[in-house]
PDB file of N, CA and C in Angstrom:
ATOM      1  N   MET A   1     -17.524  -6.807  43.881  1.00  0.00           N
ATOM      2  CA  MET A   1     -17.808  -6.834  43.354  1.00  0.00           C
ATOM      3  C   MET A   1     -18.302  -5.803  41.848  1.00  0.00           C
ATOM      4  N   ALA A   2     -18.590  -4.480  42.876  1.00  0.00           N
ATOM      5  CA  ALA A   2     -18.634  -3.424  42.296  1.00  0.00           C
ATOM      6  C   ALA A   2     -17.234  -3.126  41.435  1.00  0.00           C
ATOM      7  N   GLU A   3     -16.223  -3.612  41.439  1.00  0.00           N
ATOM      8  CA  GLU A   3     -14.966  -3.613  40.499  1.00  0.00           C
ATOM      9  C   GLU A   3     -14.939  -4.277  39.357  1.00  0.00           C
ATOM     10  N   PHE A   4     -15.575  -4.950  39.582  1.00  0.00           N
ATOM     11  CA  PHE A   4     -15.480  -6.171  38.506  1.00  0.00           C
ATOM     12  C   PHE A   4     -16.420  -5.939  37.618  1.00  0.00           C
ATOM     13  N   ARG A   5     -17.571  -5.013  37.819  1.00  0.00           N
ATOM     14  CA  ARG A   5     -18.512  -4.722  36.499  1.00  0.00           C
ATOM     15  C   ARG A   5     -17.914  -3.608  36.326  1.00  0.00           C
ATOM     16  N   SER A   6     -17.463  -2.682  37.149  1.00  0.00           N
ATOM     17  CA  SER A   6     -16.878  -1.464  36.112  1.00  0.00           C
ATOM     18  C   SER A   6     -15.576  -1.638  35.170  1.00  0.00           C
ATOM     19  N   SER A   7     -14.910  -2.538  35.658  1.00  0.00           N
ATOM     20  CA  SER A   7     -13.733  -3.194  34.410  1.00  0.00           C
ATOM     21  C   SER A   7     -14.307  -3.804  33.446  1.00  0.00           C
ATOM     22  N   ARG A   8     -15.438  -4.346  33.735  1.00  0.00           N
ATOM     23  CA  ARG A   8     -16.416  -4.988  32.416  1.00  0.00           C
ATOM     24  C   ARG A   8     -16.553  -4.237  31.608  1.00  0.00           C
ATOM     25  N   VAL A   9     -17.099  -2.957  32.308  1.00  0.00           N
ATOM     26  CA  VAL A   9     -17.336  -1.699  31.306  1.00  0.00           C
ATOM     27  C   VAL A   9     -16.133  -1.074  30.474  1.00  0.00           C
ATOM     28  N   ILE A  10     -15.637  -0.820  31.349  1.00  0.00           N
ATOM     29  CA  ILE A  10     -14.371   0.471  31.191  1.00  0.00           C
ATOM     30  C   ILE A  10     -13.398  -0.523  30.006  1.00  0.00           C
ATOM     31  N   VAL A  11     -13.101  -1.630  30.143  1.00  0.00           N
ATOM     32  CA  VAL A  11     -12.044  -2.221  29.205  1.00  0.00           C
ATOM     33  C   VAL A  11     -12.830  -2.273  27.868  1.00  0.00           C
ATOM     34  N   PRO A  12     -14.160  -2.300  27.670  1.00  0.00           N
ATOM     35  CA  PRO A  12     -14.414  -2.730  26.137  1.00  0.00           C
ATOM     36  C   PRO A  12     -14.654  -0.802  25.562  1.00  0.00           C
ATOM     37  N   ALA A  13     -14.946  -0.084  26.896  1.00  0.00           N
ATOM     38  CA  ALA A  13     -14.865   1.357  26.089  1.00  0.00           C
ATOM     39  C   ALA A  13     -13.921   1.730  25.793  1.00  0.00           C
ATOM     40  N   LEU A  14     -12.605   1.684  26.206  1.00  0.00           N
ATOM     41  CA  LEU A  14     -11.613   1.931  26.146  1.00  0.00           C
ATOM     42  C   LEU A  14     -10.693   1.504  25.053  1.00  0.00           C
ATOM     43  N   VAL A  15     -11.109   0.126  24.340  1.00  0.00           N
ATOM     44  CA  VAL A  15     -11.015  -0.594  23.247  1.00  0.00           C
ATOM     45  C   VAL A  15     -11.656   0.009  22.064  1.00  0.00           C
ATOM     46  N   ALA A  16     -13.029   0.483  22.337  1.00  0.00           N
ATOM     47  CA  ALA A  16     -13.660   0.899  20.998  1.00  0.00           C
ATOM     48  C   ALA A  16     -13.228   2.552  20.987  1.00  0.00           C
ATOM     49  N   VAL A  17     -12.706   3.380  21.731  1.00  0.00           N
ATOM     50  CA  VAL A  17     -12.079   4.527  21.937  1.00  0.00           C
ATOM     51  C   VAL A  17     -10.493   4.609  20.946  1.00  0.00           C
ATOM     52  N   SER A  18     -10.036   3.772  21.514  1.00  0.00           N
ATOM     53  CA  SER A  18      -8.765   3.219  20.873  1.00  0.00           C
ATOM     54  C   SER A  18      -8.790   3.146  19.390  1.00  0.00           C
ATOM     55  N   VAL A  19      -9.517   2.207  18.943  1.00  0.00           N
ATOM     56  CA  VAL A  19     -10.095   1.954  17.554  1.00  0.00           C
ATOM     57  C   VAL A  19     -10.558   3.126  16.790  1.00  0.00           C
ATOM     58  N   LEU A  20     -11.344   3.846  17.527  1.00  0.00           N
ATOM     59  CA  LEU A  20     -11.635   4.925  17.005  1.00  0.00           C
ATOM     60  C   LEU A  20     -10.880   6.298  16.445  1.00  0.00           C
ATOM     61  N   ILE A  21      -9.969   6.285  17.534  1.00  0.00           N
ATOM     62  CA  ILE A  21      -8.944   7.300  17.282  1.00  0.00           C
ATOM     63  C   ILE A  21      -7.730   6.735  16.458  1.00  0.00           C
ATOM     64  N   SER A  22      -7.502   5.398  16.270  1.00  0.00           N
ATOM     65  CA  SER A  22      -6.343   5.057  15.596  1.00  0.00           C
ATOM     66  C   SER A  22      -6.705   5.222  13.856  1.00  0.00           C
ATOM     67  N   ALA A  23      -8.247   5.153  13.586  1.00  0.00           N
ATOM     68  CA  ALA A  23      -8.504   5.583  12.220  1.00  0.00           C
ATOM     69  C   ALA A  23      -8.468   7.191  11.931  1.00  0.00           C
ATOM     70  N   CYS A  24      -8.482   7.885  12.540  1.00  0.00           N
ATOM     71  CA  CYS A  24      -7.733   9.200  12.585  1.00  0.00           C
ATOM     72  C   CYS A  24      -6.526   9.379  11.772  1.00  0.00           C
ATOM     73  N   SER A  25      -6.488  10.722  10.935  1.00  0.00           N
ATOM     74  CA  SER A  25      -5.160  10.875  10.454  1.00  0.00           C
ATOM     75  C   SER A  25      -4.559  11.869  11.503  1.00  0.00           C
ATOM     76  N   ASN A  26      -3.241  11.974  11.493  1.00  0.00           N
ATOM     77  CA  ASN A  26      -2.548  12.542  12.175  1.00  0.00           C
ATOM     78  C   ASN A  26      -2.364  14.037  11.920  1.00  0.00           C
ATOM     79  N   PRO A  27      -2.892  15.077  12.840  1.00  0.00           N
ATOM     80  CA  PRO A  27      -2.851  16.267  12.106  1.00  0.00           C
ATOM     81  C   PRO A  27      -1.389  16.899  12.537  1.00  0.00           C
ATOM     82  N   TYR A  28      -0.656  16.307  13.103  1.00  0.00           N
ATOM     83  CA  TYR A  28       0.815  16.684  12.814  1.00  0.00           C
ATOM     84  C   TYR A  28       1.404  16.370  11.959  1.00  0.00           C
ATOM     85  N   LEU A  29       1.404  15.327  11.608  1.00  0.00           N
ATOM     86  CA  LEU A  29       2.188  14.740  10.576  1.00  0.00           C
ATOM     87  C   LEU A  29       1.701  15.190   9.132  1.00  0.00           C
ATOM     88  N   GLU A  30       0.368  15.552   9.113  1.00  0.00           N
ATOM     89  CA  GLU A  30      -0.303  16.247   7.626  1.00  0.00           C
ATOM     90  C   GLU A  30       0.670  17.546   7.820  1.00  0.00           C
ATOM     91  N   ARG A  31       0.597  18.149   9.117  1.00  0.00           N
ATOM     92  CA  ARG A  31       1.231  19.992   9.345  1.00  0.00           C
ATOM     93  C   ARG A  31       2.752  19.562   8.487  1.00  0.00           C
ATOM     94  N   LEU A  32       3.230  18.970   9.175  1.00  0.00           N
ATOM     95  CA  LEU A  32       4.932  18.599   8.728  1.00  0.00           C
ATOM     96  C   LEU A  32       5.028  18.316   7.126  1.00  0.00           C
ATOM     97  N   ARG A  33       4.194  17.323   6.583  1.00  0.00           N
ATOM     98  CA  ARG A  33       4.364  17.350   5.406  1.00  0.00           C
ATOM     99  C   ARG A  33       4.199  18.707   4.741  1.00  0.00           C
ATOM    100  N   ALA A  34       2.883  19.193   4.771  1.00  0.00           N
ATOM    101  CA  ALA A  34       2.451  20.513   4.159  1.00  0.00           C
ATOM    102  C   ALA A  34       3.377  21.601   4.455  1.00  0.00           C
ATOM    103  N   GLU A  35       4.111  21.701   5.650  1.00  0.00           N
ATOM    104  CA  GLU A  35       4.719  22.992   5.968  1.00  0.00           C
ATOM    105  C   GLU A  35       6.215  22.495   5.044  1.00  0.00           C
ATOM    106  N   PHE A  36       7.360  21.323   5.460  1.00  0.00           N
ATOM    107  CA  PHE A  36       8.313  21.006   5.377  1.00  0.00           C
ATOM    108  C   PHE A  36       8.342  20.297   3.816  1.00  0.00           C
ATOM    109  N   GLY A  37       7.187  19.859   2.948  1.00  0.00           N
ATOM    110  CA  GLY A  37       7.325  19.024   2.263  1.00  0.00           C
ATOM    111  C   GLY A  37       7.838  17.515   2.350  1.00  0.00           C
ATOM    112  N   TRP A  38       7.869  17.214   3.375  1.00  0.00           N
ATOM    113  CA  TRP A  38       7.987  15.499   4.171  1.00  0.00           C
ATOM    114  C   TRP A  38       8.023  14.714   3.292  1.00  0.00           C
ATOM    115  N   THR A  39       8.313  13.804   1.796  1.00  0.00           N
ATOM    116  CA  THR A  39       7.712  12.806   1.678  1.00  0.00           C
ATOM    117  C   THR A  39       8.996  11.615   1.634  1.00  0.00           C
ATOM    118  N   GLU A  40       8.522  10.618   1.193  1.00  0.00           N
ATOM    119  CA  GLU A  40       9.411   9.566   1.159  1.00  0.00           C
ATOM    120  C   GLU A  40      10.565   9.337   0.088  1.00  0.00           C
ATOM    121  N   GLY A  41      10.346  10.338  -0.885  1.00  0.00           N
ATOM    122  CA  GLY A  41      11.523  10.884  -2.041  1.00  0.00           C
ATOM    123  C   GLY A  41      12.446  11.962  -1.151  1.00  0.00           C
ATOM    124  N   ARG A  42      11.770  12.646  -0.370  1.00  0.00           N
ATOM    125  CA  ARG A  42      12.773  13.839  -0.176  1.00  0.00           C
ATOM    126  C   ARG A  42      13.443  13.157   1.206  1.00  0.00           C
ATOM    127  N   MET A  43      13.133  12.433   1.776  1.00  0.00           N
ATOM    128  CA  MET A  43      13.735  11.895   3.063  1.00  0.00           C
ATOM    129  C   MET A  43      14.834  11.082   2.362  1.00  0.00           C
ATOM    130  N   THR A  44      14.376   9.863   1.545  1.00  0.00           N
ATOM    131  CA  THR A  44      15.428   9.231   0.726  1.00  0.00           C
ATOM    132  C   THR A  44      16.574  10.091   0.440  1.00  0.00           C
ATOM    133  N   GLU A  45      16.477  11.031  -0.466  1.00  0.00           N
ATOM    134  CA  GLU A  45      17.558  12.122  -1.262  1.00  0.00           C
ATOM    135  C   GLU A  45      18.117  12.559   0.437  1.00  0.00           C
ATOM    136  N   ASP A  46      17.246  13.084   1.472  1.00  0.00           N
ATOM    137  CA  ASP A  46      18.360  13.709   2.488  1.00  0.00           C
ATOM    138  C   ASP A  46      18.836  12.730   3.421  1.00  0.00           C
ATOM    139  N   GLY A  47      19.209  11.461   3.060  1.00  0.00           N
ATOM    140  CA  GLY A  47      19.604  10.229   3.712  1.00  0.00           C
ATOM    141  C   GLY A  47      19.001  10.082   4.827  1.00  0.00           C
ATOM    142  N   TRP A  48      17.570  10.283   5.023  1.00  0.00           N
ATOM    143  CA  TRP A  48      16.880   9.872   6.635  1.00  0.00           C
ATOM    144  C   TRP A  48      16.415   8.295   5.980  1.00  0.00           C
ATOM    145  N   LEU A  49      16.232   7.944   5.008  1.00  0.00           N
ATOM    146  CA  LEU A  49      15.725   6.462   4.727  1.00  0.00           C
ATOM    147  C   LEU A  49      16.613   6.113   3.494  1.00  0.00           C
ATOM    148  N   LYS A  50      16.824   4.896   3.905  1.00  0.00           N
ATOM    149  CA  LYS A  50      17.524   3.729   2.684  1.00  0.00           C
ATOM    150  C   LYS A  50      16.592   3.911   1.545  1.00  0.00           C
ATOM    151  N   SER A  51      16.943   4.201   0.301  1.00  0.00           N
ATOM    152  CA  SER A  51      16.205   3.876  -0.788  1.00  0.00           C
ATOM    153  C   SER A  51      15.731   2.254  -1.004  1.00  0.00           C
ATOM    154  N   ARG A  52      14.674   1.836  -1.281  1.00  0.00           N
ATOM    155  CA  ARG A  52      13.942   0.676  -1.593  1.00  0.00           C
ATOM    156  C   ARG A  52      13.595   0.445  -2.672  1.00  0.00           C
ATOM    157  N   GLU A  53      13.748  -1.147  -3.383  1.00  0.00           N
ATOM    158  CA  GLU A  53      13.457  -0.686  -5.051  1.00  0.00           C
ATOM    159  C   GLU A  53      11.856  -2.101  -4.866  1.00  0.00           C
ATOM    160  N   ILE A  54      11.371  -1.614  -5.563  1.00  0.00           N
ATOM    161  CA  ILE A  54       9.968  -2.045  -5.579  1.00  0.00           C
ATOM    162  C   ILE A  54       9.945  -2.840  -6.869  1.00  0.00           C
ATOM    163  N   PRO A  55       9.592  -4.170  -7.187  1.00  0.00           N
ATOM    164  CA  PRO A  55       9.774  -4.856  -7.874  1.00  0.00           C
ATOM    165  C   PRO A  55       8.357  -4.578  -8.670  1.00  0.00           C
ATOM    166  N   PRO A  56       8.607  -4.213 -10.331  1.00  0.00           N
ATOM    167  CA  PRO A  56       7.283  -4.300 -11.187  1.00  0.00           C
ATOM    168  C   PRO A  56       6.454  -5.888 -11.126  1.00  0.00           C
ATOM    169  N   ASP A  57       5.510  -5.747 -11.316  1.00  0.00           N
ATOM    170  CA  ASP A  57       4.619  -7.035 -11.333  1.00  0.00           C
ATOM    171  C   ASP A  57       4.459  -7.586 -12.669  1.00  0.00           C
ATOM    172  N   ALA A  58       4.444  -8.735 -12.750  1.00  0.00           N
ATOM    173  CA  ALA A  58       4.839  -9.652 -14.240  1.00  0.00           C
ATOM    174  C   ALA A  58       3.779  -9.083 -15.110  1.00  0.00           C
ATOM    175  N   ILE A  59       3.927  -9.259 -16.302  1.00  0.00           N
ATOM    176  CA  ILE A  59       3.403  -8.729 -17.442  1.00  0.00           C
ATOM    177  C   ILE A  59       2.961  -9.444 -18.946  1.00  0.00           C
ATOM    178  N   TYR A  60       1.984  -9.702 -19.163  1.00  0.00           N
ATOM    179  CA  TYR A  60       2.175 -10.423 -20.557  1.00  0.00           C
ATOM    180  C   TYR A  60       1.205  -9.927 -21.538  1.00  0.00           C
ATOM    181  N   CYS A  61       1.689  -9.329 -22.929  1.00  0.00           N
ATOM    182  CA  CYS A  61       0.985  -8.607 -23.635  1.00  0.00           C
ATOM    183  C   CYS A  61       1.151  -9.708 -25.027  1.00  0.00           C
ATOM    184  N   TYR A  62      -0.360  -9.210 -25.209  1.00  0.00           N
ATOM    185  CA  TYR A  62      -0.496 -10.219 -26.619  1.00  0.00           C
ATOM    186  C   TYR A  62      -1.116  -9.457 -27.674  1.00  0.00           C
ATOM    187  N   LYS A  63      -0.890  -9.960 -29.165  1.00  0.00           N
ATOM    188  CA  LYS A  63      -1.440  -9.058 -30.132  1.00  0.00           C
ATOM    189  C   LYS A  63      -2.644  -9.413 -30.347  1.00  0.00           C
ATOM    190  N   THR A  64      -3.306  -7.907 -30.762  1.00  0.00           N
ATOM    191  CA  THR A  64      -4.738  -7.633 -30.970  1.00  0.00           C
ATOM    192  C   THR A  64      -5.076  -7.247 -32.461  1.00  0.00           C
ATOM    193  N   MET A  65      -6.101  -6.696 -32.593  1.00  0.00           N
ATOM    194  CA  MET A  65      -6.376  -5.758 -34.073  1.00  0.00           C
ATOM    195  C   MET A  65      -5.965  -4.826 -33.911  1.00  0.00           C
ATOM    196  N   ALA A  66      -5.824  -4.095 -32.857  1.00  0.00           N
ATOM    197  CA  ALA A  66      -5.698  -2.767 -32.374  1.00  0.00           C
ATOM    198  C   ALA A  66      -4.028  -2.619 -31.977  1.00  0.00           C
ATOM    199  N   LYS A  67      -3.703  -2.041 -30.361  1.00  0.00           N
ATOM    200  CA  LYS A  67      -2.703  -2.016 -29.838  1.00  0.00           C
ATOM    201  C   LYS A  67      -2.948  -3.489 -29.197  1.00  0.00           C
ATOM    202  N   PRO A  68      -1.421  -3.715 -28.368  1.00  0.00           N
ATOM    203  CA  PRO A  68      -1.600  -5.000 -27.632  1.00  0.00           C
ATOM    204  C   PRO A  68      -2.377  -5.016 -26.263  1.00  0.00           C
ATOM    205  N   ASN A  69      -3.020  -6.040 -25.856  1.00  0.00           N
ATOM    206  CA  ASN A  69      -3.375  -6.068 -24.318  1.00  0.00           C
ATOM    207  C   ASN A  69      -2.522  -7.020 -23.685  1.00  0.00           C
ATOM    208  N   CYS A  70      -2.303  -6.638 -22.559  1.00  0.00           N
ATOM    209  CA  CYS A  70      -1.473  -6.737 -21.285  1.00  0.00           C
ATOM    210  C   CYS A  70      -2.366  -7.657 -20.146  1.00  0.00           C
ATOM    211  N   PHE A  71      -1.742  -8.575 -19.396  1.00  0.00           N
ATOM    212  CA  PHE A  71      -2.256  -9.403 -18.857  1.00  0.00           C
ATOM    213  C   PHE A  71      -1.403  -9.709 -17.316  1.00  0.00           C
ATOM    214  N   LYS A  72      -1.832  -9.963 -16.318  1.00  0.00           N
ATOM    215  CA  LYS A  72      -0.849 -10.257 -15.237  1.00  0.00           C
ATOM    216  C   LYS A  72      -0.329 -11.750 -15.120  1.00  0.00           C
ATOM    217  N   THR A  73      -1.230 -12.477 -15.810  1.00  0.00           N
ATOM    218  CA  THR A  73      -0.951 -13.821 -15.955  1.00  0.00           C
ATOM    219  C   THR A  73      -0.979 -14.695 -17.359  1.00  0.00           C
ATOM    220  N   PRO A  74      -0.155 -15.294 -17.611  1.00  0.00           N
ATOM    221  CA  PRO A  74      -0.056 -15.732 -19.195  1.00  0.00           C
ATOM    222  C   PRO A  74      -1.919 -16.438 -19.549  1.00  0.00           C
ATOM    223  N   LYS A  75      -1.780 -16.388 -20.858  1.00  0.00           N
ATOM    224  CA  LYS A  75      -3.000 -17.157 -21.385  1.00  0.00           C
ATOM    225  C   LYS A  75      -2.605 -18.397 -21.726  1.00  0.00           C
ATOM    226  N   PRO A  76      -3.312 -19.211 -21.547  1.00  0.00           N
ATOM    227  CA  PRO A  76      -2.757 -20.654 -22.300  1.00  0.00           C
ATOM    228  C   PRO A  76      -3.258 -20.788 -23.578  1.00  0.00           C
ATOM    229  N   GLY A  77      -2.498 -21.216 -24.545  1.00  0.00           N
ATOM    230  CA  GLY A  77      -3.046 -21.103 -26.157  1.00  0.00           C
ATOM    231  C   GLY A  77      -2.993 -20.112 -26.504  1.00  0.00           C
ATOM    232  N   GLN A  78      -2.336 -19.190 -26.012  1.00  0.00           N
ATOM    233  CA  GLN A  78      -2.128 -18.116 -26.711  1.00  0.00           C
ATOM    234  C   GLN A  78      -0.820 -17.573 -26.956  1.00  0.00           C
ATOM    235  N   GLU A  79       0.219 -18.490 -26.717  1.00  0.00           N
ATOM    236  CA  GLU A  79       1.416 -18.598 -27.061  1.00  0.00           C
ATOM    237  C   GLU A  79       2.099 -17.541 -28.525  1.00  0.00           C
ATOM    238  N   HIS A  80       1.000 -17.892 -29.849  1.00  0.00           N
ATOM    239  CA  HIS A  80       1.497 -17.566 -30.909  1.00  0.00           C
ATOM    240  C   HIS A  80       1.101 -15.593 -30.888  1.00  0.00           C
ATOM    241  N   ARG A  81       0.265 -15.434 -30.181  1.00  0.00           N
ATOM    242  CA  ARG A  81       0.036 -13.744 -30.412  1.00  0.00           C
ATOM    243  C   ARG A  81       1.217 -13.188 -29.076  1.00  0.00           C
ATOM    244  N   LEU A  82       1.920 -13.781 -28.646  1.00  0.00           N
ATOM    245  CA  LEU A  82       2.602 -13.400 -27.395  1.00  0.00           C
ATOM    246  C   LEU A  82       3.604 -12.409 -27.833  1.00  0.00           C
ATOM    247  N   VAL A  83       3.686 -10.587 -27.396  1.00  0.00           N
ATOM    248  CA  VAL A  83       4.816 -10.148 -27.733  1.00  0.00           C
ATOM    249  C   VAL A  83       5.452  -9.664 -26.737  1.00  0.00           C
ATOM    250  N   SER A  84       5.469  -9.660 -25.586  1.00  0.00           N
ATOM    251  CA  SER A  84       6.278  -9.370 -24.988  1.00  0.00           C
ATOM    252  C   SER A  84       5.919  -9.556 -23.392  1.00  0.00           C
ATOM    253  N   GLU A  85       6.780 -10.313 -22.907  1.00  0.00           N
ATOM    254  CA  GLU A  85       6.582 -10.575 -21.508  1.00  0.00           C
ATOM    255  C   GLU A  85       7.616 -10.063 -20.515  1.00  0.00           C
ATOM    256  N   TYR A  86       7.189  -9.576 -19.091  1.00  0.00           N
ATOM    257  CA  TYR A  86       8.135  -9.462 -17.986  1.00  0.00           C
ATOM    258  C   TYR A  86       7.669 -10.195 -17.206  1.00  0.00           C
ATOM    259  N   GLU A  87       8.539 -11.215 -16.220  1.00  0.00           N
ATOM    260  CA  GLU A  87       8.299 -11.745 -15.143  1.00  0.00           C
ATOM    261  C   GLU A  87       9.371 -11.007 -14.214  1.00  0.00           C
ATOM    262  N   ASN A  88       8.914 -11.054 -12.605  1.00  0.00           N
ATOM    263  CA  ASN A  88       9.725 -10.959 -11.792  1.00  0.00           C
ATOM    264  C   ASN A  88      10.668 -11.884 -11.558  1.00  0.00           C
ATOM    265  N   ALA A  89      12.333 -11.847 -11.502  1.00  0.00           N
ATOM    266  CA  ALA A  89      13.057 -12.596 -10.779  1.00  0.00           C
ATOM    267  C   ALA A  89      12.377 -13.316  -9.779  1.00  0.00           C
TER     268      ALA A  89
END
């Protein structure tokens, strides 16, 4: 019975400690970045990583009295003011 009680205390304690440790930054990784300048761009250039294409968000720009206002979603009833739009394929 004593083993069962100790496992009921140890398991939640291990879970709590692992959650707290995972929130910390990795000092070794930070040292490598600072010392060798490892970034995603440099690793892509050196051939360590494949390049990836990040598609831009859709944008809808409408005329105003000053410069155009841009939104992520189209504004219904404002098609006559539409200056430019870009939608993801």
